Amino acid sequence: MRAWLDEITEETGHLVRTQLDDEGRAAGMHRLTDYQLMRILTEDGAMETIQAARRGLKANDNSEFLAALAPFFARPDDLRVVPFACAVGRDLAPLFAGAGASEEVVRRANDFAMEKAAIYIDVAEGAFRLGQTHQLRAIFIYRVPRPDRHVGPRALDPYAPDPSDQLRIFAVAGAIRGLACARATWIVGSQSCRGDDFFHELVRHRYHESGVQYGDIVAEIEDLVWLTLAYAAVAEPDRRQILPMATINREGRLPDRAARRRQRGLSLFRVERLRAPADNFGRHVRINNRDGWQLGRRVRVRGHFKMQRHGTEGRLRKLIFVASHCRGPLNAAPLHSIRLFD
């Protein structure tokens, strides 16, 4: 199974080779593998982002995005913290689609994310749709420390998590059965979200299709992030599987035709595929109202995930789904939302 990172690596390598000028060919760039070309590009993007931060400026969107990809192309010896990469397939993503995440799920996912320097979530082709014609394909999350933690003579270790750190999300989407390249990014908890022209076109298409707006799409993606990371933190070993990996040529030689044929369909990256539990989180189970207070009206509860206690004395946690249901006395009047019409 190939990941989106494999697809963008191959496409970028093809574009770079077709655009190489005489200077690049003289430097031997055309003899590098797609993986090595992508490593150079992501290293340059990371360096530009760091230099801009040191000058108190903001790097351009493309450099910031390449910087988010850089940890997954870096040499192991260059990393202080190993990045985490997981894949969400067609068995798991539909279970998360359209469902919310409880506060405990968000906290568990946030704690998991803060332990990592960078996270990559690969979403299988067609597994998480954004409307009828588009889909989400990849998500990158990384910690953003305060500027004084990594810039200046008194800078602290940016690799050590700190309560003041924020999380930045990069989402990659595109048309179904096409190379996803529409990008959007935002800081979790902020009201500002930036997207490129392709992503804005996706939002406009989704709005005309079903009335869904920009903030709704961001909320959908964030819910998927929290649910995936919370599940990654508690999933059983038999629900985890490393995707078959291809051999990376680190010597700069292009693989021959036979080698390309053998490695077709394999990933260049160490990605852990998360499989859905056998009970599908109990999505078929309806949870009754067990709170100590009583509702005076019948209200509709959106389907959502929560962390359920289990094990000896309830010390362990597992992710379960609470189906959409009505709460409140059976003989009570339903509570309707009020809408104002001009």
C-alpha atoms as a PDB file:
ATOM      1  CA  MET A   1       0.000   0.000   0.000  1.00  0.00           C
ATOM      2  CA  ARG A   2       1.417   3.367  -1.018  1.00  0.00           C
ATOM      3  CA  ALA A   3       0.841   6.493   1.023  1.00  0.00           C
ATOM      4  CA  TRP A   4       0.162  10.024  -0.171  1.00  0.00           C
ATOM      5  CA  LEU A   5       3.784  10.854   0.644  1.00  0.00           C
ATOM      6  CA  ASP A   6       4.843   8.267  -1.936  1.00  0.00           C
ATOM      7  CA  GLU A   7       2.563   9.815  -4.549  1.00  0.00           C
ATOM      8  CA  ILE A   8       3.762  13.390  -3.981  1.00  0.00           C
ATOM      9  CA  THR A   9       7.411  12.221  -3.914  1.00  0.00           C
ATOM     10  CA  GLU A  10       7.065  10.537  -7.298  1.00  0.00           C
ATOM     11  CA  GLU A  11       5.186  13.484  -8.817  1.00  0.00           C
ATOM     12  CA  THR A  12       7.669  16.035  -7.460  1.00  0.00           C
ATOM     13  CA  GLY A  13      10.620  14.030  -8.759  1.00  0.00           C
ATOM     14  CA  HIS A  14       9.028  13.906 -12.207  1.00  0.00           C
ATOM     15  CA  LEU A  15       8.378  17.672 -12.222  1.00  0.00           C
ATOM     16  CA  VAL A  16      11.879  18.530 -11.021  1.00  0.00           C
ATOM     17  CA  ARG A  17      13.505  16.417 -13.730  1.00  0.00           C
ATOM     18  CA  THR A  18      11.410  17.955 -16.498  1.00  0.00           C
ATOM     19  CA  GLN A  19      12.260  21.467 -15.284  1.00  0.00           C
ATOM     20  CA  LEU A  20      15.965  21.025 -14.606  1.00  0.00           C
ATOM     21  CA  ASP A  21      18.082  23.633 -16.307  1.00  0.00           C
ATOM     22  CA  ASP A  22      21.672  23.194 -17.482  1.00  0.00           C
ATOM     23  CA  GLU A  23      23.037  24.241 -14.082  1.00  0.00           C
ATOM     24  CA  GLY A  24      21.019  21.578 -12.279  1.00  0.00           C
ATOM     25  CA  ARG A  25      22.078  18.903 -14.749  1.00  0.00           C
ATOM     26  CA  ALA A  26      25.706  19.900 -14.405  1.00  0.00           C
ATOM     27  CA  ALA A  27      25.384  19.461 -10.624  1.00  0.00           C
ATOM     28  CA  GLY A  28      24.104  15.916 -11.141  1.00  0.00           C
ATOM     29  CA  MET A  29      20.588  16.624  -9.845  1.00  0.00           C
ATOM     30  CA  HIS A  30      19.025  14.506 -12.597  1.00  0.00           C
ATOM     31  CA  ARG A  31      20.788  11.415 -11.249  1.00  0.00           C
ATOM     32  CA  LEU A  32      19.171  11.667  -7.787  1.00  0.00           C
ATOM     33  CA  THR A  33      16.189   9.534  -6.821  1.00  0.00           C
ATOM     34  CA  ASP A  34      12.760  11.035  -6.241  1.00  0.00           C
ATOM     35  CA  TYR A  35      13.246  10.513  -2.506  1.00  0.00           C
ATOM     36  CA  GLN A  36      16.568  12.372  -2.474  1.00  0.00           C
ATOM     37  CA  LEU A  37      15.171  15.262  -4.508  1.00  0.00           C
ATOM     38  CA  MET A  38      12.276  15.568  -2.065  1.00  0.00           C
ATOM     39  CA  ARG A  39      14.691  15.499   0.869  1.00  0.00           C
ATOM     40  CA  ILE A  40      16.606  18.442  -0.580  1.00  0.00           C
ATOM     41  CA  LEU A  41      13.412  20.421  -1.150  1.00  0.00           C
ATOM     42  CA  THR A  42      12.046  19.771   2.340  1.00  0.00           C
ATOM     43  CA  GLU A  43      15.397  20.597   3.971  1.00  0.00           C
ATOM     44  CA  ASP A  44      15.462  23.921   2.099  1.00  0.00           C
ATOM     45  CA  GLY A  45      11.878  24.650   3.157  1.00  0.00           C
ATOM     46  CA  ALA A  46      12.673  23.899   6.794  1.00  0.00           C
ATOM     47  CA  MET A  47      15.755  26.128   6.696  1.00  0.00           C
ATOM     48  CA  GLU A  48      13.825  29.020   5.142  1.00  0.00           C
ATOM     49  CA  THR A  49      11.114  28.680   7.794  1.00  0.00           C
ATOM     50  CA  ILE A  50      13.657  28.692  10.629  1.00  0.00           C
ATOM     51  CA  GLN A  51      15.533  31.686   9.218  1.00  0.00           C
ATOM     52  CA  ALA A  52      12.292  33.641   8.829  1.00  0.00           C
ATOM     53  CA  ALA A  53      11.354  32.888  12.464  1.00  0.00           C
ATOM     54  CA  ARG A  54      14.753  34.073  13.675  1.00  0.00           C
ATOM     55  CA  ARG A  55      14.204  37.383  11.890  1.00  0.00           C
ATOM     56  CA  GLY A  56      10.736  37.709  13.368  1.00  0.00           C
ATOM     57  CA  LEU A  57       9.134  37.174   9.967  1.00  0.00           C
ATOM     58  CA  LYS A  58       6.720  34.620   8.535  1.00  0.00           C
ATOM     59  CA  ALA A  59       7.902  32.174   5.899  1.00  0.00           C
ATOM     60  CA  ASN A  60       5.835  31.698   2.758  1.00  0.00           C
ATOM     61  CA  ASP A  61       3.157  29.007   2.779  1.00  0.00           C
ATOM     62  CA  ASN A  62       5.088  26.639   0.523  1.00  0.00           C
ATOM     63  CA  SER A  63       8.185  26.726   2.745  1.00  0.00           C
ATOM     64  CA  GLU A  64       6.073  26.091   5.845  1.00  0.00           C
ATOM     65  CA  PHE A  65       4.427  23.108   4.181  1.00  0.00           C
ATOM     66  CA  LEU A  66       7.759  21.628   3.066  1.00  0.00           C
ATOM     67  CA  ALA A  67       9.030  22.147   6.627  1.00  0.00           C
ATOM     68  CA  ALA A  68       6.098  20.066   7.901  1.00  0.00           C
ATOM     69  CA  LEU A  69       7.134  17.256   5.543  1.00  0.00           C
ATOM     70  CA  ALA A  70      10.870  17.513   6.327  1.00  0.00           C
ATOM     71  CA  PRO A  71      10.982  15.172   9.392  1.00  0.00           C
ATOM     72  CA  PHE A  72       9.700  12.281   7.262  1.00  0.00           C
ATOM     73  CA  PHE A  73      12.548  12.670   4.755  1.00  0.00           C
ATOM     74  CA  ALA A  74      15.318  13.433   7.248  1.00  0.00           C
ATOM     75  CA  ARG A  75      18.107  10.990   7.997  1.00  0.00           C
ATOM     76  CA  PRO A  76      17.547   9.150  11.307  1.00  0.00           C
ATOM     77  CA  ASP A  77      20.779  10.582  12.748  1.00  0.00           C
ATOM     78  CA  ASP A  78      19.484  14.113  12.134  1.00  0.00           C
ATOM     79  CA  LEU A  79      16.400  13.632  14.323  1.00  0.00           C
ATOM     80  CA  ARG A  80      16.144  14.071  18.062  1.00  0.00           C
ATOM     81  CA  VAL A  81      12.573  12.742  18.099  1.00  0.00           C
ATOM     82  CA  VAL A  82      11.288  10.127  15.642  1.00  0.00           C
ATOM     83  CA  PRO A  83       8.169  11.377  13.814  1.00  0.00           C
ATOM     84  CA  PHE A  84       4.984   9.322  13.958  1.00  0.00           C
ATOM     85  CA  ALA A  85       3.164   8.224  10.811  1.00  0.00           C
ATOM     86  CA  CYS A  86      -0.063   6.244  10.665  1.00  0.00           C
ATOM     87  CA  ALA A  87      -2.555   5.261   7.989  1.00  0.00           C
ATOM     88  CA  VAL A  88      -6.339   5.339   8.258  1.00  0.00           C
ATOM     89  CA  GLY A  89      -7.974   2.942   5.822  1.00  0.00           C
ATOM     90  CA  ARG A  90     -11.449   2.430   4.438  1.00  0.00           C
ATOM     91  CA  ASP A  91     -12.381   0.264   7.390  1.00  0.00           C
ATOM     92  CA  LEU A  92     -11.599   2.972   9.961  1.00  0.00           C
ATOM     93  CA  ALA A  93     -12.149   6.404   8.391  1.00  0.00           C
ATOM     94  CA  PRO A  94     -15.902   5.890   7.715  1.00  0.00           C
ATOM     95  CA  LEU A  95     -16.373   5.029  11.404  1.00  0.00           C
ATOM     96  CA  PHE A  96     -14.909   8.407  12.348  1.00  0.00           C
ATOM     97  CA  ALA A  97     -16.661  10.427   9.620  1.00  0.00           C
ATOM     98  CA  GLY A  98     -19.496  12.615  10.838  1.00  0.00           C
ATOM     99  CA  ALA A  99     -18.801  11.885  14.509  1.00  0.00           C
ATOM    100  CA  GLY A 100     -17.642  14.312  17.163  1.00  0.00           C
ATOM    101  CA  ALA A 101     -15.008  13.842  19.856  1.00  0.00           C
ATOM    102  CA  SER A 102     -15.599  14.300  23.570  1.00  0.00           C
ATOM    103  CA  GLU A 103     -13.389  16.574  25.660  1.00  0.00           C
ATOM    104  CA  GLU A 104     -11.595  13.544  27.096  1.00  0.00           C
ATOM    105  CA  VAL A 105     -10.857  12.240  23.592  1.00  0.00           C
ATOM    106  CA  VAL A 106      -9.432  15.626  22.598  1.00  0.00           C
ATOM    107  CA  ARG A 107      -7.262  15.750  25.722  1.00  0.00           C
ATOM    108  CA  ARG A 108      -5.941  12.240  25.115  1.00  0.00           C
ATOM    109  CA  ALA A 109      -5.184  13.022  21.480  1.00  0.00           C
ATOM    110  CA  ASN A 110      -3.553  16.334  22.400  1.00  0.00           C
ATOM    111  CA  ASP A 111      -1.305  14.634  24.985  1.00  0.00           C
ATOM    112  CA  PHE A 112      -0.287  12.066  22.357  1.00  0.00           C
ATOM    113  CA  ALA A 113       0.472  14.808  19.813  1.00  0.00           C
ATOM    114  CA  MET A 114       2.541  16.822  22.285  1.00  0.00           C
ATOM    115  CA  GLU A 115       4.854  13.842  22.781  1.00  0.00           C
ATOM    116  CA  LYS A 116       5.759  13.875  19.097  1.00  0.00           C
ATOM    117  CA  ALA A 117       7.743  16.395  17.085  1.00  0.00           C
ATOM    118  CA  ALA A 118       5.744  15.692  13.924  1.00  0.00           C
ATOM    119  CA  ILE A 119       2.786  13.503  12.964  1.00  0.00           C
ATOM    120  CA  TYR A 120       1.575  12.324   9.572  1.00  0.00           C
ATOM    121  CA  ILE A 121      -1.879  10.785   9.080  1.00  0.00           C
ATOM    122  CA  ASP A 122      -2.369   9.131   5.712  1.00  0.00           C
ATOM    123  CA  VAL A 123      -5.998   8.728   4.646  1.00  0.00           C
ATOM    124  CA  ALA A 124      -6.729   6.011   2.095  1.00  0.00           C
ATOM    125  CA  GLU A 125      -8.136   6.866  -1.323  1.00  0.00           C
ATOM    126  CA  GLY A 126     -11.881   7.534  -1.024  1.00  0.00           C
ATOM    127  CA  ALA A 127     -11.961   6.778   2.712  1.00  0.00           C
ATOM    128  CA  PHE A 128     -12.861  10.270   3.990  1.00  0.00           C
ATOM    129  CA  ARG A 129     -14.917  12.251   1.510  1.00  0.00           C
ATOM    130  CA  LEU A 130     -15.361  16.003   1.508  1.00  0.00           C
ATOM    131  CA  GLY A 131     -18.539  16.058  -0.527  1.00  0.00           C
ATOM    132  CA  GLN A 132     -19.354  13.924  -3.546  1.00  0.00           C
ATOM    133  CA  THR A 133     -16.279  14.674  -5.643  1.00  0.00           C
ATOM    134  CA  HIS A 134     -13.437  15.501  -3.222  1.00  0.00           C
ATOM    135  CA  GLN A 135     -11.587  13.744  -0.430  1.00  0.00           C
ATOM    136  CA  LEU A 136      -9.090  14.243   2.364  1.00  0.00           C
ATOM    137  CA  ARG A 137      -5.783  12.434   1.718  1.00  0.00           C
ATOM    138  CA  ALA A 138      -3.188  13.564   4.256  1.00  0.00           C
ATOM    139  CA  ILE A 139      -2.821  15.483   7.514  1.00  0.00           C
ATOM    140  CA  PHE A 140       0.382  16.787   9.089  1.00  0.00           C
ATOM    141  CA  ILE A 141       0.499  17.964  12.703  1.00  0.00           C
ATOM    142  CA  TYR A 142       3.436  19.480  14.506  1.00  0.00           C
ATOM    143  CA  ARG A 143       4.102  21.386  17.695  1.00  0.00           C
ATOM    144  CA  VAL A 144       4.756  25.104  17.488  1.00  0.00           C
ATOM    145  CA  PRO A 145       6.775  26.329  20.494  1.00  0.00           C
ATOM    146  CA  ARG A 146       6.822  29.955  21.576  1.00  0.00           C
ATOM    147  CA  PRO A 147       9.413  31.962  19.635  1.00  0.00           C
ATOM    148  CA  ASP A 148      11.560  32.498  22.755  1.00  0.00           C
ATOM    149  CA  ARG A 149      11.819  28.720  23.194  1.00  0.00           C
ATOM    150  CA  HIS A 150      13.758  28.183  19.961  1.00  0.00           C
ATOM    151  CA  VAL A 151      15.013  31.632  18.904  1.00  0.00           C
ATOM    152  CA  GLY A 152      17.631  33.757  20.618  1.00  0.00           C
ATOM    153  CA  PRO A 153      20.611  33.213  22.922  1.00  0.00           C
ATOM    154  CA  ARG A 154      18.446  31.925  25.813  1.00  0.00           C
ATOM    155  CA  ALA A 155      16.459  29.500  23.705  1.00  0.00           C
ATOM    156  CA  LEU A 156      15.270  26.334  25.400  1.00  0.00           C
ATOM    157  CA  ASP A 157      15.051  22.874  23.878  1.00  0.00           C
ATOM    158  CA  PRO A 158      12.187  23.031  21.337  1.00  0.00           C
ATOM    159  CA  TYR A 159      11.970  19.231  21.213  1.00  0.00           C
ATOM    160  CA  ALA A 160      10.818  19.017  24.835  1.00  0.00           C
ATOM    161  CA  PRO A 161       7.026  19.549  25.049  1.00  0.00           C
ATOM    162  CA  ASP A 162       5.801  22.573  26.957  1.00  0.00           C
ATOM    163  CA  PRO A 163       2.238  23.547  28.016  1.00  0.00           C
ATOM    164  CA  SER A 164       2.600  26.751  25.989  1.00  0.00           C
ATOM    165  CA  ASP A 165       3.153  24.820  22.728  1.00  0.00           C
ATOM    166  CA  GLN A 166       0.471  25.012  20.072  1.00  0.00           C
ATOM    167  CA  LEU A 167      -0.456  22.505  17.373  1.00  0.00           C
ATOM    168  CA  ARG A 168      -0.454  23.425  13.700  1.00  0.00           C
ATOM    169  CA  ILE A 169      -2.391  21.293  11.223  1.00  0.00           C
ATOM    170  CA  PHE A 170      -1.772  20.993   7.485  1.00  0.00           C
ATOM    171  CA  ALA A 171      -4.567  19.263   5.568  1.00  0.00           C
ATOM    172  CA  VAL A 172      -4.154  17.990   2.008  1.00  0.00           C
ATOM    173  CA  ALA A 173      -7.256  17.312  -0.087  1.00  0.00           C
ATOM    174  CA  GLY A 174      -8.181  16.898  -3.721  1.00  0.00           C
ATOM    175  CA  ALA A 175     -10.492  15.383  -6.279  1.00  0.00           C
ATOM    176  CA  ILE A 176     -11.271  11.688  -5.931  1.00  0.00           C
ATOM    177  CA  ARG A 177      -8.980   9.515  -8.094  1.00  0.00           C
ATOM    178  CA  GLY A 178      -6.591  12.426  -8.602  1.00  0.00           C
ATOM    179  CA  LEU A 179      -3.364  13.596  -6.961  1.00  0.00           C
ATOM    180  CA  ALA A 180      -4.394  15.583  -3.880  1.00  0.00           C
ATOM    181  CA  CYS A 181      -2.585  18.908  -3.768  1.00  0.00           C
ATOM    182  CA  ALA A 182      -5.080  21.388  -2.235  1.00  0.00           C
ATOM    183  CA  ARG A 183      -3.697  22.623   1.079  1.00  0.00           C
ATOM    184  CA  ALA A 184      -5.028  24.400   4.150  1.00  0.00           C
ATOM    185  CA  THR A 185      -3.340  25.156   7.465  1.00  0.00           C
ATOM    186  CA  TRP A 186      -4.380  26.511  10.835  1.00  0.00           C
ATOM    187  CA  ILE A 187      -3.361  26.645  14.481  1.00  0.00           C
ATOM    188  CA  VAL A 188      -5.653  24.568  16.685  1.00  0.00           C
ATOM    189  CA  GLY A 189      -7.895  26.884  18.681  1.00  0.00           C
ATOM    190  CA  SER A 190      -7.379  29.907  16.442  1.00  0.00           C
ATOM    191  CA  GLN A 191      -9.960  31.491  14.177  1.00  0.00           C
ATOM    192  CA  SER A 192      -7.499  31.922  11.309  1.00  0.00           C
ATOM    193  CA  CYS A 193      -7.243  29.298   8.570  1.00  0.00           C
ATOM    194  CA  ARG A 194      -5.226  29.745   5.374  1.00  0.00           C
ATOM    195  CA  GLY A 195      -5.872  27.774   2.228  1.00  0.00           C
ATOM    196  CA  ASP A 196      -4.459  27.873  -1.287  1.00  0.00           C
ATOM    197  CA  ASP A 197      -6.553  28.499  -4.399  1.00  0.00           C
ATOM    198  CA  PHE A 198      -7.243  24.787  -4.865  1.00  0.00           C
ATOM    199  CA  PHE A 199      -8.587  24.444  -1.327  1.00  0.00           C
ATOM    200  CA  HIS A 200     -10.767  27.549  -1.676  1.00  0.00           C
ATOM    201  CA  GLU A 201     -12.198  26.035  -4.851  1.00  0.00           C
ATOM    202  CA  LEU A 202     -12.970  22.848  -2.914  1.00  0.00           C
ATOM    203  CA  VAL A 203     -14.738  24.889  -0.210  1.00  0.00           C
ATOM    204  CA  ARG A 204     -16.808  26.763  -2.801  1.00  0.00           C
ATOM    205  CA  HIS A 205     -17.777  23.497  -4.478  1.00  0.00           C
ATOM    206  CA  ARG A 206     -18.770  21.958  -1.130  1.00  0.00           C
ATOM    207  CA  TYR A 207     -20.798  25.049  -0.190  1.00  0.00           C
ATOM    208  CA  HIS A 208     -22.788  24.992  -3.427  1.00  0.00           C
ATOM    209  CA  GLU A 209     -23.235  21.235  -3.080  1.00  0.00           C
ATOM    210  CA  SER A 210     -24.515  21.076   0.502  1.00  0.00           C
ATOM    211  CA  GLY A 211     -24.159  24.459   2.216  1.00  0.00           C
ATOM    212  CA  VAL A 212     -21.061  23.383   4.188  1.00  0.00           C
ATOM    213  CA  GLN A 213     -18.758  26.298   4.997  1.00  0.00           C
ATOM    214  CA  TYR A 214     -15.019  26.679   5.628  1.00  0.00           C
ATOM    215  CA  GLY A 215     -15.289  26.329   9.404  1.00  0.00           C
ATOM    216  CA  ASP A 216     -17.364  23.168   9.063  1.00  0.00           C
ATOM    217  CA  ILE A 217     -14.676  21.503   6.942  1.00  0.00           C
ATOM    218  CA  VAL A 218     -11.991  22.495   9.457  1.00  0.00           C
ATOM    219  CA  ALA A 219     -14.108  21.007  12.274  1.00  0.00           C
ATOM    220  CA  GLU A 220     -14.571  17.741  10.307  1.00  0.00           C
ATOM    221  CA  ILE A 221     -10.827  17.425   9.805  1.00  0.00           C
ATOM    222  CA  GLU A 222     -10.028  18.271  13.433  1.00  0.00           C
ATOM    223  CA  ASP A 223     -12.481  15.624  14.648  1.00  0.00           C
ATOM    224  CA  LEU A 224     -10.708  13.068  12.464  1.00  0.00           C
ATOM    225  CA  VAL A 225      -7.346  14.170  13.912  1.00  0.00           C
ATOM    226  CA  TRP A 226      -8.494  13.813  17.532  1.00  0.00           C
ATOM    227  CA  LEU A 227     -10.182  10.448  16.957  1.00  0.00           C
ATOM    228  CA  THR A 228      -7.221   9.020  15.033  1.00  0.00           C
ATOM    229  CA  LEU A 229      -4.618  10.126  17.574  1.00  0.00           C
ATOM    230  CA  ALA A 230      -6.723   9.005  20.540  1.00  0.00           C
ATOM    231  CA  TYR A 231      -7.112   5.598  18.903  1.00  0.00           C
ATOM    232  CA  ALA A 232      -3.382   5.464  18.048  1.00  0.00           C
ATOM    233  CA  ALA A 233      -2.659   5.969  21.756  1.00  0.00           C
ATOM    234  CA  VAL A 234      -4.796   3.028  22.924  1.00  0.00           C
ATOM    235  CA  ALA A 235      -5.156   0.607  19.973  1.00  0.00           C
ATOM    236  CA  GLU A 236      -4.299  -3.026  20.682  1.00  0.00           C
ATOM    237  CA  PRO A 237      -1.143  -4.490  19.074  1.00  0.00           C
ATOM    238  CA  ASP A 238      -3.168  -6.726  16.744  1.00  0.00           C
ATOM    239  CA  ARG A 239      -4.850  -3.601  15.333  1.00  0.00           C
ATOM    240  CA  ARG A 240      -1.498  -2.161  14.196  1.00  0.00           C
ATOM    241  CA  GLN A 241       0.488  -3.113  11.117  1.00  0.00           C
ATOM    242  CA  ILE A 242       3.547  -1.534   9.496  1.00  0.00           C
ATOM    243  CA  LEU A 243       2.947  -1.077   5.769  1.00  0.00           C
ATOM    244  CA  PRO A 244       5.303  -3.099   3.528  1.00  0.00           C
ATOM    245  CA  MET A 245       8.261  -0.865   2.770  1.00  0.00           C
ATOM    246  CA  ALA A 246      10.396  -0.451  -0.333  1.00  0.00           C
ATOM    247  CA  THR A 247      14.173  -0.205  -0.160  1.00  0.00           C
ATOM    248  CA  ILE A 248      15.425   3.386  -0.245  1.00  0.00           C
ATOM    249  CA  ASN A 249      18.469   3.963  -2.418  1.00  0.00           C
ATOM    250  CA  ARG A 250      20.634   6.328  -0.358  1.00  0.00           C
ATOM    251  CA  GLU A 251      23.606   6.274  -2.752  1.00  0.00           C
ATOM    252  CA  GLY A 252      22.061   8.470  -5.415  1.00  0.00           C
ATOM    253  CA  ARG A 253      21.575   5.768  -8.067  1.00  0.00           C
ATOM    254  CA  LEU A 254      18.249   5.531  -9.832  1.00  0.00           C
ATOM    255  CA  PRO A 255      16.691   2.046  -9.418  1.00  0.00           C
ATOM    256  CA  ASP A 256      16.683  -0.139 -12.503  1.00  0.00           C
ATOM    257  CA  ARG A 257      13.489  -1.347 -14.163  1.00  0.00           C
ATOM    258  CA  ALA A 258      13.453  -4.687 -12.330  1.00  0.00           C
ATOM    259  CA  ALA A 259      13.845  -3.001  -8.958  1.00  0.00           C
ATOM    260  CA  ARG A 260      11.038  -0.566  -9.746  1.00  0.00           C
ATOM    261  CA  ARG A 261       8.786  -3.466 -10.710  1.00  0.00           C
ATOM    262  CA  ARG A 262       9.529  -5.351  -7.465  1.00  0.00           C
ATOM    263  CA  GLN A 263       8.850  -2.307  -5.305  1.00  0.00           C
ATOM    264  CA  ARG A 264       5.762  -1.102  -7.094  1.00  0.00           C
ATOM    265  CA  GLY A 265       2.953  -0.684  -4.571  1.00  0.00           C
ATOM    266  CA  LEU A 266       5.337  -0.492  -1.576  1.00  0.00           C
ATOM    267  CA  SER A 267       5.837   2.579   0.581  1.00  0.00           C
ATOM    268  CA  LEU A 268       9.109   4.443   1.078  1.00  0.00           C
ATOM    269  CA  PHE A 269       8.011   5.467   4.573  1.00  0.00           C
ATOM    270  CA  ARG A 270       7.495   3.686   7.878  1.00  0.00           C
ATOM    271  CA  VAL A 271       3.747   4.029   8.304  1.00  0.00           C
ATOM    272  CA  GLU A 272       1.690   2.203  10.913  1.00  0.00           C
ATOM    273  CA  ARG A 273      -1.718   1.217   9.608  1.00  0.00           C
ATOM    274  CA  LEU A 274      -4.467   1.363  12.232  1.00  0.00           C
ATOM    275  CA  ARG A 275      -7.224  -1.201  11.760  1.00  0.00           C
ATOM    276  CA  ALA A 276     -10.713  -0.868  13.166  1.00  0.00           C
ATOM    277  CA  PRO A 277     -11.478  -3.014  16.233  1.00  0.00           C
ATOM    278  CA  ALA A 278     -13.586  -6.116  15.740  1.00  0.00           C
ATOM    279  CA  ASP A 279     -16.637  -4.470  17.330  1.00  0.00           C
ATOM    280  CA  ASN A 280     -16.268  -1.241  15.270  1.00  0.00           C
ATOM    281  CA  PHE A 281     -16.095   0.723  18.547  1.00  0.00           C
ATOM    282  CA  GLY A 282     -19.568  -0.521  19.395  1.00  0.00           C
ATOM    283  CA  ARG A 283     -21.260   1.727  16.869  1.00  0.00           C
ATOM    284  CA  HIS A 284     -24.228  -0.618  16.885  1.00  0.00           C
ATOM    285  CA  VAL A 285     -24.781  -0.038  20.643  1.00  0.00           C
ATOM    286  CA  ARG A 286     -27.144   2.693  21.802  1.00  0.00           C
ATOM    287  CA  ILE A 287     -26.067   4.303  25.049  1.00  0.00           C
ATOM    288  CA  ASN A 288     -28.904   5.227  27.405  1.00  0.00           C
ATOM    289  CA  ASN A 289     -28.979   8.323  29.564  1.00  0.00           C
ATOM    290  CA  ARG A 290     -27.054   7.472  32.726  1.00  0.00           C
ATOM    291  CA  ASP A 291     -26.413  10.948  34.051  1.00  0.00           C
ATOM    292  CA  GLY A 292     -27.573  11.923  37.504  1.00  0.00           C
ATOM    293  CA  TRP A 293     -29.781  14.745  36.209  1.00  0.00           C
ATOM    294  CA  GLN A 294     -32.888  14.599  34.084  1.00  0.00           C
ATOM    295  CA  LEU A 295     -33.652  16.538  30.933  1.00  0.00           C
ATOM    296  CA  GLY A 296     -36.937  18.367  30.731  1.00  0.00           C
ATOM    297  CA  ARG A 297     -37.112  17.986  26.930  1.00  0.00           C
ATOM    298  CA  ARG A 298     -36.263  15.359  24.365  1.00  0.00           C
ATOM    299  CA  VAL A 299     -33.033  16.477  22.667  1.00  0.00           C
ATOM    300  CA  ARG A 300     -31.049  14.970  19.821  1.00  0.00           C
ATOM    301  CA  VAL A 301     -27.439  13.973  20.645  1.00  0.00           C
ATOM    302  CA  ARG A 302     -24.966  13.868  17.782  1.00  0.00           C
ATOM    303  CA  GLY A 303     -23.027  10.631  17.349  1.00  0.00           C
ATOM    304  CA  HIS A 304     -19.611  11.018  18.952  1.00  0.00           C
ATOM    305  CA  PHE A 305     -16.626   9.132  20.359  1.00  0.00           C
ATOM    306  CA  LYS A 306     -15.517   9.028  23.965  1.00  0.00           C
ATOM    307  CA  MET A 307     -12.903   7.280  26.098  1.00  0.00           C
ATOM    308  CA  GLN A 308     -14.470   4.431  28.115  1.00  0.00           C
ATOM    309  CA  ARG A 309     -12.946   2.990  31.255  1.00  0.00           C
ATOM    310  CA  HIS A 310     -12.154  -0.736  31.250  1.00  0.00           C
ATOM    311  CA  GLY A 311      -9.788  -3.235  32.793  1.00  0.00           C
ATOM    312  CA  THR A 312      -8.944  -3.721  36.458  1.00  0.00           C
ATOM    313  CA  GLU A 313     -10.556  -0.955  38.534  1.00  0.00           C
ATOM    314  CA  GLY A 314     -11.193   0.972  35.319  1.00  0.00           C
ATOM    315  CA  ARG A 315      -7.554   1.986  34.931  1.00  0.00           C
ATOM    316  CA  LEU A 316      -7.426   1.530  31.147  1.00  0.00           C
ATOM    317  CA  ARG A 317      -9.161   3.497  28.424  1.00  0.00           C
ATOM    318  CA  LYS A 318     -10.525   2.509  25.046  1.00  0.00           C
ATOM    319  CA  LEU A 319     -12.192   4.492  22.291  1.00  0.00           C
ATOM    320  CA  ILE A 320     -15.909   3.759  21.793  1.00  0.00           C
ATOM    321  CA  PHE A 321     -18.659   5.287  19.681  1.00  0.00           C
ATOM    322  CA  VAL A 322     -21.869   6.666  21.153  1.00  0.00           C
ATOM    323  CA  ALA A 323     -24.545   6.549  18.460  1.00  0.00           C
ATOM    324  CA  SER A 324     -26.800   9.484  17.674  1.00  0.00           C
ATOM    325  CA  HIS A 325     -29.793   9.249  19.989  1.00  0.00           C
ATOM    326  CA  CYS A 326     -32.463  11.210  21.831  1.00  0.00           C
ATOM    327  CA  ARG A 327     -32.129  12.015  25.512  1.00  0.00           C
ATOM    328  CA  GLY A 328     -34.769  13.032  27.987  1.00  0.00           C
ATOM    329  CA  PRO A 329     -38.156  11.717  29.237  1.00  0.00           C
ATOM    330  CA  LEU A 330     -40.040   9.692  26.641  1.00  0.00           C
ATOM    331  CA  ASN A 331     -43.209  11.703  27.245  1.00  0.00           C
ATOM    332  CA  ALA A 332     -41.494  15.101  27.064  1.00  0.00           C
ATOM    333  CA  ALA A 333     -41.840  17.522  24.160  1.00  0.00           C
ATOM    334  CA  PRO A 334     -38.906  17.590  21.703  1.00  0.00           C
ATOM    335  CA  LEU A 335     -36.588  20.584  21.834  1.00  0.00           C
ATOM    336  CA  HIS A 336     -36.373  22.240  18.416  1.00  0.00           C
ATOM    337  CA  SER A 337     -33.796  24.751  17.245  1.00  0.00           C
ATOM    338  CA  ILE A 338     -35.122  28.240  16.485  1.00  0.00           C
ATOM    339  CA  ARG A 339     -34.347  29.823  13.141  1.00  0.00           C
ATOM    340  CA  LEU A 340     -34.941  33.407  12.111  1.00  0.00           C
ATOM    341  CA  PHE A 341     -36.290  33.971   8.612  1.00  0.00           C
ATOM    342  CA  ASP A 342     -36.079  37.365   6.987  1.00  0.00           C
END
